[in-house]
Amino acid sequence: MGSTQAVSLVKRALREAGHPKTRVGHGGTLDPLASGVLPIAIGEATKLAGRMLDATKAYDFTVRFGEETDTLDLEGKVIASSDITPSRAAIEAVLPSFTGAIEQVPPAFSALKVDGKRAYDLARAGETVSLKPRNVTVHGLRIVDFDPEGTVTLSATVSKGTYIRSLARDIAHTLGTVGHIPMLRRTKAGPFTLEQAISLDFLADAAKARQLTRTVLPLEAGLDDIPGLPVTPEQAQLLRHGQQLFGTPVTPGLHLAMDGTTPVALVESDGSAIKVVRGFNL
C-alpha cells in the first residue's frame, strides 16, 4: 500500500465518523514493499507534515545476498547474481563504513524527478536512469539477525532522503557480492514508533463506532522535541494575528506557544523577539 492510498482510507474513516471536510496529509512516503509506521496528519496537524518529512526515521530490513534486482527489492527482475555469501564477521566489519555521513546514489525505481518525470516511470519504460549521488546520514546500523544461508537483517536509523534499498545494494557491493531487500519495515518516523501505531482495521472500526478520538494523538505529539512556551490569552491573540512578541525573555530557537493546554503557534525566538513560524487555528 502506498501513502496516498493510506490517506484515502483515513479520509474514508473521517467521513464514516461524520467529519467529511477534514484535511488529511501524510508524513513521508514508504516504498511499495515496505510496512510499518506512516504518520497521518489530520486538520491543523497537516501544517506539521513538512516537519515529519524531514524527521529522522528507523527501519528494520533484510538483505538477501546472491541476486540484485532492478528495483533493489523483491518485486524487480534479477539483473546480477553472485555465488559469494558473506559471513557475519565480514558484514560487521563493513558496517562502520556505512555509519555517519555517507554518499549514496538513489535507486532508479524512486519517486525522484529527472527532467520533470518520475524516475520510476522512466525506469519502467526501459530508459536508463542516471541519478546524482546525495549526502545522507546513517545515525546507527546494526545486525539484528543473521542466516548463514545468505540473509542478514539489519536495523538502521537514518536522516531524511536515505534510501534503504541503496544502502543494502552498497553494503552487498562492498562485500564483493550483490543483494536485494525482501523485507523492509519502518519502525519509527520522527517521534512516532511502531508500538504507538494503529492498524487500518482498528481505524475503520473506531470510525463506525464514532470513536475516532481513540485513534488520534494531539497535535503537540508531533512536536515532542520542541519546548513549550506558556503565553497569556493576550499574547496568544497577537500570535494568532501573526504579530511578534517583544520583552519576553526566551531561549533562542523553536518553541511551541501554548495558551493553557491549547497550541497557538510554532514560534522562533532570536533572544529579543518571538515570531510565528506556523500558526494553528485551534
C-alpha atoms as a PDB file:
ATOM      1  CA  MET A   1       0.000   0.000   0.000  1.00  0.00           C
ATOM      2  CA  GLY A   2       1.250   3.452  -0.909  1.00  0.00           C
ATOM      3  CA  SER A   3       0.994   6.541   1.289  1.00  0.00           C
ATOM      4  CA  THR A   4      -1.683   8.107  -0.951  1.00  0.00           C
ATOM      5  CA  GLN A   5      -3.896   5.051  -0.563  1.00  0.00           C
ATOM      6  CA  ALA A   6      -3.464   5.193   3.219  1.00  0.00           C
ATOM      7  CA  VAL A   7      -4.535   8.851   3.207  1.00  0.00           C
ATOM      8  CA  SER A   8      -7.629   7.912   1.173  1.00  0.00           C
ATOM      9  CA  LEU A   9      -8.578   5.277   3.738  1.00  0.00           C
ATOM     10  CA  VAL A  10      -8.195   7.766   6.580  1.00  0.00           C
ATOM     11  CA  LYS A  11     -10.413  10.222   4.679  1.00  0.00           C
ATOM     12  CA  ARG A  12     -12.999   7.452   4.321  1.00  0.00           C
ATOM     13  CA  ALA A  13     -12.854   6.810   8.069  1.00  0.00           C
ATOM     14  CA  LEU A  14     -13.353  10.512   8.765  1.00  0.00           C
ATOM     15  CA  ARG A  15     -16.412  10.569   6.502  1.00  0.00           C
ATOM     16  CA  GLU A  16     -17.748   7.489   8.275  1.00  0.00           C
ATOM     17  CA  ALA A  17     -17.268   9.235  11.625  1.00  0.00           C
ATOM     18  CA  GLY A  18     -19.022  12.401  10.470  1.00  0.00           C
ATOM     19  CA  HIS A  19     -16.004  14.602   9.655  1.00  0.00           C
ATOM     20  CA  PRO A  20     -16.103  14.714   5.838  1.00  0.00           C
ATOM     21  CA  LYS A  21     -14.280  18.025   5.320  1.00  0.00           C
ATOM     22  CA  THR A  22     -11.207  17.425   7.457  1.00  0.00           C
ATOM     23  CA  ARG A  23      -7.842  17.873   5.750  1.00  0.00           C
ATOM     24  CA  VAL A  24      -5.533  14.859   5.716  1.00  0.00           C
ATOM     25  CA  GLY A  25      -1.833  14.539   4.887  1.00  0.00           C
ATOM     26  CA  HIS A  26       0.990  12.052   5.414  1.00  0.00           C
ATOM     27  CA  GLY A  27       4.433  12.439   6.898  1.00  0.00           C
ATOM     28  CA  GLY A  28       6.648  10.552   4.460  1.00  0.00           C
ATOM     29  CA  THR A  29       6.229   8.043   1.654  1.00  0.00           C
ATOM     30  CA  LEU A  30       7.002   4.360   2.068  1.00  0.00           C
ATOM     31  CA  ASP A  31       8.417   2.043  -0.578  1.00  0.00           C
ATOM     32  CA  PRO A  32       5.686  -0.171  -2.120  1.00  0.00           C
ATOM     33  CA  LEU A  33       7.268  -3.211  -0.444  1.00  0.00           C
ATOM     34  CA  ALA A  34       7.529  -1.533   2.955  1.00  0.00           C
ATOM     35  CA  SER A  35       5.320  -1.835   6.017  1.00  0.00           C
ATOM     36  CA  GLY A  36       5.385  -0.075   9.351  1.00  0.00           C
ATOM     37  CA  VAL A  37       4.929   3.450  10.640  1.00  0.00           C
ATOM     38  CA  LEU A  38       3.213   6.050   8.465  1.00  0.00           C
ATOM     39  CA  PRO A  39       2.309   9.274  10.306  1.00  0.00           C
ATOM     40  CA  ILE A  40      -1.047  10.620   9.109  1.00  0.00           C
ATOM     41  CA  ALA A  41      -1.902  14.231   9.987  1.00  0.00           C
ATOM     42  CA  ILE A  42      -5.473  15.490  10.179  1.00  0.00           C
ATOM     43  CA  GLY A  43      -6.831  19.016  10.418  1.00  0.00           C
ATOM     44  CA  GLU A  44      -4.387  21.596  11.763  1.00  0.00           C
ATOM     45  CA  ALA A  45      -1.733  18.896  12.212  1.00  0.00           C
ATOM     46  CA  THR A  46      -1.281  18.850   8.403  1.00  0.00           C
ATOM     47  CA  LYS A  47       0.764  22.011   8.945  1.00  0.00           C
ATOM     48  CA  LEU A  48       3.389  19.761  10.556  1.00  0.00           C
ATOM     49  CA  ALA A  49       3.627  17.302   7.643  1.00  0.00           C
ATOM     50  CA  GLY A  50       6.752  19.051   6.355  1.00  0.00           C
ATOM     51  CA  ARG A  51       8.483  18.524   9.696  1.00  0.00           C
ATOM     52  CA  MET A  52       7.604  14.832   9.522  1.00  0.00           C
ATOM     53  CA  LEU A  53       9.171  14.575   6.063  1.00  0.00           C
ATOM     54  CA  ASP A  54      12.413  15.993   7.483  1.00  0.00           C
ATOM     55  CA  ALA A  55      12.397  13.781  10.585  1.00  0.00           C
ATOM     56  CA  THR A  56      14.866  11.013  11.403  1.00  0.00           C
ATOM     57  CA  LYS A  57      13.481   7.548  10.621  1.00  0.00           C
ATOM     58  CA  ALA A  58      14.322   3.989  11.678  1.00  0.00           C
ATOM     59  CA  TYR A  59      13.981   0.782   9.673  1.00  0.00           C
ATOM     60  CA  ASP A  60      14.454  -2.955  10.014  1.00  0.00           C
ATOM     61  CA  PHE A  61      15.363  -4.582   6.704  1.00  0.00           C
ATOM     62  CA  THR A  62      16.603  -7.882   5.352  1.00  0.00           C
ATOM     63  CA  VAL A  63      19.303  -8.171   2.703  1.00  0.00           C
ATOM     64  CA  ARG A  64      19.263 -11.355   0.633  1.00  0.00           C
ATOM     65  CA  PHE A  65      22.645 -11.947  -0.945  1.00  0.00           C
ATOM     66  CA  GLY A  66      23.221 -13.575  -4.326  1.00  0.00           C
ATOM     67  CA  GLU A  67      20.865 -11.621  -6.590  1.00  0.00           C
ATOM     68  CA  GLU A  68      20.419  -7.931  -7.364  1.00  0.00           C
ATOM     69  CA  THR A  69      17.171  -6.753  -8.929  1.00  0.00           C
ATOM     70  CA  ASP A  70      16.463  -3.631 -10.965  1.00  0.00           C
ATOM     71  CA  THR A  71      14.194  -2.313  -8.203  1.00  0.00           C
ATOM     72  CA  LEU A  72      16.645  -3.436  -5.474  1.00  0.00           C
ATOM     73  CA  ASP A  73      13.775  -5.258  -3.748  1.00  0.00           C
ATOM     74  CA  LEU A  74      11.802  -8.470  -4.061  1.00  0.00           C
ATOM     75  CA  GLU A  75       9.480  -7.166  -6.794  1.00  0.00           C
ATOM     76  CA  GLY A  76      12.047  -6.471  -9.524  1.00  0.00           C
ATOM     77  CA  LYS A  77      13.750  -8.629 -12.130  1.00  0.00           C
ATOM     78  CA  VAL A  78      17.205 -10.067 -11.485  1.00  0.00           C
ATOM     79  CA  ILE A  79      19.962  -8.075 -13.210  1.00  0.00           C
ATOM     80  CA  ALA A  80      23.063  -9.527 -11.480  1.00  0.00           C
ATOM     81  CA  SER A  81      23.985 -12.610  -9.499  1.00  0.00           C
ATOM     82  CA  SER A  82      26.873 -13.854  -7.354  1.00  0.00           C
ATOM     83  CA  ASP A  83      27.871 -17.049  -5.565  1.00  0.00           C
ATOM     84  CA  ILE A  84      29.548 -15.122  -2.754  1.00  0.00           C
ATOM     85  CA  THR A  85      27.763 -15.303   0.608  1.00  0.00           C
ATOM     86  CA  PRO A  86      29.422 -13.080   3.222  1.00  0.00           C
ATOM     87  CA  SER A  87      29.971 -14.185   6.811  1.00  0.00           C
ATOM     88  CA  ARG A  88      28.574 -12.341   9.803  1.00  0.00           C
ATOM     89  CA  ALA A  89      32.071 -11.154  10.689  1.00  0.00           C
ATOM     90  CA  ALA A  90      32.560  -9.745   7.186  1.00  0.00           C
ATOM     91  CA  ILE A  91      29.258  -7.874   7.373  1.00  0.00           C
ATOM     92  CA  GLU A  92      30.049  -6.470  10.821  1.00  0.00           C
ATOM     93  CA  ALA A  93      33.422  -5.312   9.524  1.00  0.00           C
ATOM     94  CA  VAL A  94      31.915  -3.125   6.755  1.00  0.00           C
ATOM     95  CA  LEU A  95      29.025  -1.593   8.729  1.00  0.00           C
ATOM     96  CA  PRO A  96      31.158   1.206  10.265  1.00  0.00           C
ATOM     97  CA  SER A  97      31.926   2.498   6.753  1.00  0.00           C
ATOM     98  CA  PHE A  98      28.171   2.957   6.220  1.00  0.00           C
ATOM     99  CA  THR A  99      27.646   4.804   9.507  1.00  0.00           C
ATOM    100  CA  GLY A 100      27.781   8.581   9.774  1.00  0.00           C
ATOM    101  CA  ALA A 101      27.766  10.946   6.809  1.00  0.00           C
ATOM    102  CA  ILE A 102      27.805   8.897   3.600  1.00  0.00           C
ATOM    103  CA  GLU A 103      27.122   9.404  -0.098  1.00  0.00           C
ATOM    104  CA  GLN A 104      24.645   7.204  -1.959  1.00  0.00           C
ATOM    105  CA  VAL A 105      23.024   7.013  -5.382  1.00  0.00           C
ATOM    106  CA  PRO A 106      19.213   6.697  -5.128  1.00  0.00           C
ATOM    107  CA  PRO A 107      17.522   3.713  -6.809  1.00  0.00           C
ATOM    108  CA  ALA A 108      16.410   4.100 -10.418  1.00  0.00           C
ATOM    109  CA  PHE A 109      12.983   2.998  -9.205  1.00  0.00           C
ATOM    110  CA  SER A 110      12.311   6.010  -6.972  1.00  0.00           C
ATOM    111  CA  ALA A 111       9.964   8.995  -6.932  1.00  0.00           C
ATOM    112  CA  LEU A 112      12.764  11.475  -7.666  1.00  0.00           C
ATOM    113  CA  LYS A 113      12.263  13.556 -10.790  1.00  0.00           C
ATOM    114  CA  VAL A 114      14.534  13.505 -13.842  1.00  0.00           C
ATOM    115  CA  ASP A 115      13.768  16.256 -16.374  1.00  0.00           C
ATOM    116  CA  GLY A 116      10.315  16.651 -14.865  1.00  0.00           C
ATOM    117  CA  LYS A 117       9.459  12.939 -14.919  1.00  0.00           C
ATOM    118  CA  ARG A 118       9.437  10.408 -12.084  1.00  0.00           C
ATOM    119  CA  ALA A 119      12.497   8.166 -12.153  1.00  0.00           C
ATOM    120  CA  TYR A 120      10.369   5.036 -11.689  1.00  0.00           C
ATOM    121  CA  ASP A 121       8.246   5.927 -14.738  1.00  0.00           C
ATOM    122  CA  LEU A 122      11.386   6.242 -16.861  1.00  0.00           C
ATOM    123  CA  ALA A 123      12.809   3.003 -15.449  1.00  0.00           C
ATOM    124  CA  ARG A 124       9.583   1.105 -16.120  1.00  0.00           C
ATOM    125  CA  ALA A 125       9.639   2.387 -19.702  1.00  0.00           C
ATOM    126  CA  GLY A 126      13.034   0.781 -20.124  1.00  0.00           C
ATOM    127  CA  GLU A 127      15.026   4.015 -20.150  1.00  0.00           C
ATOM    128  CA  THR A 128      18.402   4.320 -18.463  1.00  0.00           C
ATOM    129  CA  VAL A 129      18.042   6.466 -15.357  1.00  0.00           C
ATOM    130  CA  SER A 130      21.073   8.349 -14.083  1.00  0.00           C
ATOM    131  CA  LEU A 131      20.648   9.904 -10.639  1.00  0.00           C
ATOM    132  CA  LYS A 132      23.194  12.054  -8.870  1.00  0.00           C
ATOM    133  CA  PRO A 133      24.731  10.913  -5.565  1.00  0.00           C
ATOM    134  CA  ARG A 134      23.342  12.558  -2.449  1.00  0.00           C
ATOM    135  CA  ASN A 135      24.705  13.089   1.022  1.00  0.00           C
ATOM    136  CA  VAL A 136      22.764  11.403   3.822  1.00  0.00           C
ATOM    137  CA  THR A 137      23.471  10.412   7.402  1.00  0.00           C
ATOM    138  CA  VAL A 138      23.179   6.948   8.941  1.00  0.00           C
ATOM    139  CA  HIS A 139      22.988   7.525  12.679  1.00  0.00           C
ATOM    140  CA  GLY A 140      23.057   3.838  13.609  1.00  0.00           C
ATOM    141  CA  LEU A 141      23.384   0.489  11.839  1.00  0.00           C
ATOM    142  CA  ARG A 142      23.496  -2.947  13.478  1.00  0.00           C
ATOM    143  CA  ILE A 143      22.792  -6.607  12.809  1.00  0.00           C
ATOM    144  CA  VAL A 144      19.508  -7.913  14.200  1.00  0.00           C
ATOM    145  CA  ASP A 145      19.625 -11.426  12.740  1.00  0.00           C
ATOM    146  CA  PHE A 146      21.982 -13.428  10.535  1.00  0.00           C
ATOM    147  CA  ASP A 147      21.354 -16.527   8.455  1.00  0.00           C
ATOM    148  CA  PRO A 148      24.495 -18.190   7.037  1.00  0.00           C
ATOM    149  CA  GLU A 149      22.367 -19.411   4.127  1.00  0.00           C
ATOM    150  CA  GLY A 150      22.502 -15.886   2.679  1.00  0.00           C
ATOM    151  CA  THR A 151      20.449 -13.271   4.516  1.00  0.00           C
ATOM    152  CA  VAL A 152      21.063 -10.661   7.177  1.00  0.00           C
ATOM    153  CA  THR A 153      18.518  -8.434   8.929  1.00  0.00           C
ATOM    154  CA  LEU A 154      19.748  -5.002   9.921  1.00  0.00           C
ATOM    155  CA  SER A 155      18.355  -2.114  11.932  1.00  0.00           C
ATOM    156  CA  ALA A 156      19.148   1.417  10.736  1.00  0.00           C
ATOM    157  CA  THR A 157      18.389   4.918  11.983  1.00  0.00           C
ATOM    158  CA  VAL A 158      18.789   7.408   9.157  1.00  0.00           C
ATOM    159  CA  SER A 159      18.315  11.013   8.094  1.00  0.00           C
ATOM    160  CA  LYS A 160      15.715  12.189   5.596  1.00  0.00           C
ATOM    161  CA  GLY A 161      16.438  11.274   1.994  1.00  0.00           C
ATOM    162  CA  THR A 162      18.173   7.994   2.823  1.00  0.00           C
ATOM    163  CA  TYR A 163      17.228   5.080   0.575  1.00  0.00           C
ATOM    164  CA  ILE A 164      17.433   1.778   2.424  1.00  0.00           C
ATOM    165  CA  ARG A 165      17.419  -0.138  -0.868  1.00  0.00           C
ATOM    166  CA  SER A 166      20.545   1.767  -1.948  1.00  0.00           C
ATOM    167  CA  LEU A 167      22.139   1.120   1.441  1.00  0.00           C
ATOM    168  CA  ALA A 168      21.537  -2.624   1.017  1.00  0.00           C
ATOM    169  CA  ARG A 169      22.931  -2.563  -2.538  1.00  0.00           C
ATOM    170  CA  ASP A 170      26.075  -0.714  -1.471  1.00  0.00           C
ATOM    171  CA  ILE A 171      26.710  -2.984   1.524  1.00  0.00           C
ATOM    172  CA  ALA A 172      26.495  -6.021  -0.753  1.00  0.00           C
ATOM    173  CA  HIS A 173      28.848  -4.460  -3.320  1.00  0.00           C
ATOM    174  CA  THR A 174      31.391  -3.616  -0.625  1.00  0.00           C
ATOM    175  CA  LEU A 175      31.255  -7.264   0.443  1.00  0.00           C
ATOM    176  CA  GLY A 176      32.091  -8.316  -3.111  1.00  0.00           C
ATOM    177  CA  THR A 177      28.638  -9.664  -3.869  1.00  0.00           C
ATOM    178  CA  VAL A 178      25.138  -8.456  -4.788  1.00  0.00           C
ATOM    179  CA  GLY A 179      21.851  -8.395  -2.934  1.00  0.00           C
ATOM    180  CA  HIS A 180      18.329  -7.066  -2.680  1.00  0.00           C
ATOM    181  CA  ILE A 181      15.721  -6.374   0.002  1.00  0.00           C
ATOM    182  CA  PRO A 182      12.889  -8.873   0.544  1.00  0.00           C
ATOM    183  CA  MET A 183      11.667  -7.170   3.763  1.00  0.00           C
ATOM    184  CA  LEU A 184      11.560  -3.512   4.787  1.00  0.00           C
ATOM    185  CA  ARG A 185       9.725  -2.199   7.846  1.00  0.00           C
ATOM    186  CA  ARG A 186       9.767   1.356   9.161  1.00  0.00           C
ATOM    187  CA  THR A 187       9.857   1.183  12.951  1.00  0.00           C
ATOM    188  CA  LYS A 188       9.985   4.902  13.698  1.00  0.00           C
ATOM    189  CA  ALA A 189       9.223   8.194  11.943  1.00  0.00           C
ATOM    190  CA  GLY A 190      10.174  11.266  13.955  1.00  0.00           C
ATOM    191  CA  PRO A 191       8.635  10.834  17.416  1.00  0.00           C
ATOM    192  CA  PHE A 192       6.203   8.107  16.281  1.00  0.00           C
ATOM    193  CA  THR A 193       7.040   4.449  16.906  1.00  0.00           C
ATOM    194  CA  LEU A 194       5.674   1.109  15.778  1.00  0.00           C
ATOM    195  CA  GLU A 195       4.382   0.495  19.304  1.00  0.00           C
ATOM    196  CA  GLN A 196       2.125   3.561  19.014  1.00  0.00           C
ATOM    197  CA  ALA A 197       0.825   2.677  15.562  1.00  0.00           C
ATOM    198  CA  ILE A 198      -2.727   1.512  14.925  1.00  0.00           C
ATOM    199  CA  SER A 199      -3.945  -0.732  12.129  1.00  0.00           C
ATOM    200  CA  LEU A 200      -6.300   0.464   9.419  1.00  0.00           C
ATOM    201  CA  ASP A 201      -8.791  -2.178  10.583  1.00  0.00           C
ATOM    202  CA  PHE A 202      -8.794  -0.636  14.062  1.00  0.00           C
ATOM    203  CA  LEU A 203      -9.263   2.807  12.497  1.00  0.00           C
ATOM    204  CA  ALA A 204     -12.240   1.603  10.439  1.00  0.00           C
ATOM    205  CA  ASP A 205     -13.883   0.020  13.482  1.00  0.00           C
ATOM    206  CA  ALA A 206     -13.389   3.202  15.515  1.00  0.00           C
ATOM    207  CA  ALA A 207     -14.920   5.274  12.707  1.00  0.00           C
ATOM    208  CA  LYS A 208     -18.008   3.076  12.536  1.00  0.00           C
ATOM    209  CA  ALA A 209     -18.400   3.409  16.307  1.00  0.00           C
ATOM    210  CA  ARG A 210     -17.926   7.195  16.028  1.00  0.00           C
ATOM    211  CA  GLN A 211     -14.959   6.880  18.391  1.00  0.00           C
ATOM    212  CA  LEU A 212     -12.099   8.309  16.341  1.00  0.00           C
ATOM    213  CA  THR A 213     -10.721  10.041  19.433  1.00  0.00           C
ATOM    214  CA  ARG A 214      -9.410   6.597  20.435  1.00  0.00           C
ATOM    215  CA  THR A 215      -7.118   6.638  17.415  1.00  0.00           C
ATOM    216  CA  VAL A 216      -5.646  10.152  17.318  1.00  0.00           C
ATOM    217  CA  LEU A 217      -2.811  11.851  19.149  1.00  0.00           C
ATOM    218  CA  PRO A 218      -2.815  15.575  19.948  1.00  0.00           C
ATOM    219  CA  LEU A 219      -1.061  17.960  17.590  1.00  0.00           C
ATOM    220  CA  GLU A 220       1.766  18.530  20.064  1.00  0.00           C
ATOM    221  CA  ALA A 221       2.714  14.833  19.802  1.00  0.00           C
ATOM    222  CA  GLY A 222       4.390  15.765  16.515  1.00  0.00           C
ATOM    223  CA  LEU A 223       6.449  18.401  18.322  1.00  0.00           C
ATOM    224  CA  ASP A 224       7.724  16.400  21.271  1.00  0.00           C
ATOM    225  CA  ASP A 225      11.253  17.716  20.711  1.00  0.00           C
ATOM    226  CA  ILE A 226      10.089  21.355  20.855  1.00  0.00           C
ATOM    227  CA  PRO A 227       9.909  23.012  24.308  1.00  0.00           C
ATOM    228  CA  GLY A 228       6.601  24.541  25.315  1.00  0.00           C
ATOM    229  CA  LEU A 229       6.231  28.291  25.822  1.00  0.00           C
ATOM    230  CA  PRO A 230       3.304  29.408  28.012  1.00  0.00           C
ATOM    231  CA  VAL A 231       1.648  32.588  26.729  1.00  0.00           C
ATOM    232  CA  THR A 232      -1.185  34.723  28.067  1.00  0.00           C
ATOM    233  CA  PRO A 233      -4.514  34.953  26.219  1.00  0.00           C
ATOM    234  CA  GLU A 234      -3.483  38.455  25.077  1.00  0.00           C
ATOM    235  CA  GLN A 235      -0.143  37.202  23.724  1.00  0.00           C
ATOM    236  CA  ALA A 236      -1.907  34.254  22.084  1.00  0.00           C
ATOM    237  CA  GLN A 237      -4.216  36.661  20.268  1.00  0.00           C
ATOM    238  CA  LEU A 238      -1.242  38.646  18.944  1.00  0.00           C
ATOM    239  CA  LEU A 239       0.453  35.459  17.713  1.00  0.00           C
ATOM    240  CA  ARG A 240      -2.755  34.297  16.022  1.00  0.00           C
ATOM    241  CA  HIS A 241      -2.657  37.523  14.021  1.00  0.00           C
ATOM    242  CA  GLY A 242       0.958  36.858  13.050  1.00  0.00           C
ATOM    243  CA  GLN A 243       2.401  39.595  15.236  1.00  0.00           C
ATOM    244  CA  GLN A 244       5.725  39.360  17.054  1.00  0.00           C
ATOM    245  CA  LEU A 245       6.147  39.372  20.809  1.00  0.00           C
ATOM    246  CA  PHE A 246       8.761  41.570  22.463  1.00  0.00           C
ATOM    247  CA  GLY A 247      10.002  41.817  26.012  1.00  0.00           C
ATOM    248  CA  THR A 248       9.556  38.112  26.784  1.00  0.00           C
ATOM    249  CA  PRO A 249      12.903  36.509  27.691  1.00  0.00           C
ATOM    250  CA  VAL A 250      13.029  33.182  25.862  1.00  0.00           C
ATOM    251  CA  THR A 251      15.938  30.938  24.911  1.00  0.00           C
ATOM    252  CA  PRO A 252      16.711  31.321  21.181  1.00  0.00           C
ATOM    253  CA  GLY A 253      15.260  28.579  18.984  1.00  0.00           C
ATOM    254  CA  LEU A 254      11.930  26.956  18.235  1.00  0.00           C
ATOM    255  CA  HIS A 255       9.144  26.803  20.826  1.00  0.00           C
ATOM    256  CA  LEU A 256       5.517  25.712  20.915  1.00  0.00           C
ATOM    257  CA  ALA A 257       3.430  28.617  22.206  1.00  0.00           C
ATOM    258  CA  MET A 258       0.646  27.290  24.424  1.00  0.00           C
ATOM    259  CA  ASP A 259      -2.390  29.139  25.773  1.00  0.00           C
ATOM    260  CA  GLY A 260      -3.126  26.818  28.679  1.00  0.00           C
ATOM    261  CA  THR A 261      -3.496  23.408  27.000  1.00  0.00           C
ATOM    262  CA  THR A 262      -4.188  24.824  23.530  1.00  0.00           C
ATOM    263  CA  PRO A 263      -1.365  25.018  20.959  1.00  0.00           C
ATOM    264  CA  VAL A 264      -1.251  28.528  19.489  1.00  0.00           C
ATOM    265  CA  ALA A 265       1.740  28.529  17.161  1.00  0.00           C
ATOM    266  CA  LEU A 266       5.163  27.150  16.446  1.00  0.00           C
ATOM    267  CA  VAL A 267       7.353  30.165  17.135  1.00  0.00           C
ATOM    268  CA  GLU A 268      11.021  31.073  16.921  1.00  0.00           C
ATOM    269  CA  SER A 269      12.947  33.310  19.260  1.00  0.00           C
ATOM    270  CA  ASP A 270      16.149  35.146  18.451  1.00  0.00           C
ATOM    271  CA  GLY A 271      16.551  36.208  22.072  1.00  0.00           C
ATOM    272  CA  SER A 272      14.854  39.566  21.672  1.00  0.00           C
ATOM    273  CA  ALA A 273      11.681  38.861  19.666  1.00  0.00           C
ATOM    274  CA  ILE A 274       9.342  35.927  19.154  1.00  0.00           C
ATOM    275  CA  LYS A 275       7.920  35.428  15.658  1.00  0.00           C
ATOM    276  CA  VAL A 276       5.410  32.944  14.303  1.00  0.00           C
ATOM    277  CA  VAL A 277       6.743  30.104  12.171  1.00  0.00           C
ATOM    278  CA  ARG A 278       3.423  28.267  11.866  1.00  0.00           C
ATOM    279  CA  GLY A 279       0.117  29.254  13.433  1.00  0.00           C
ATOM    280  CA  PHE A 280      -2.640  26.859  14.468  1.00  0.00           C
ATOM    281  CA  ASN A 281      -6.364  27.615  14.321  1.00  0.00           C
ATOM    282  CA  LEU A 282      -7.435  25.728  17.428  1.00  0.00           C
END
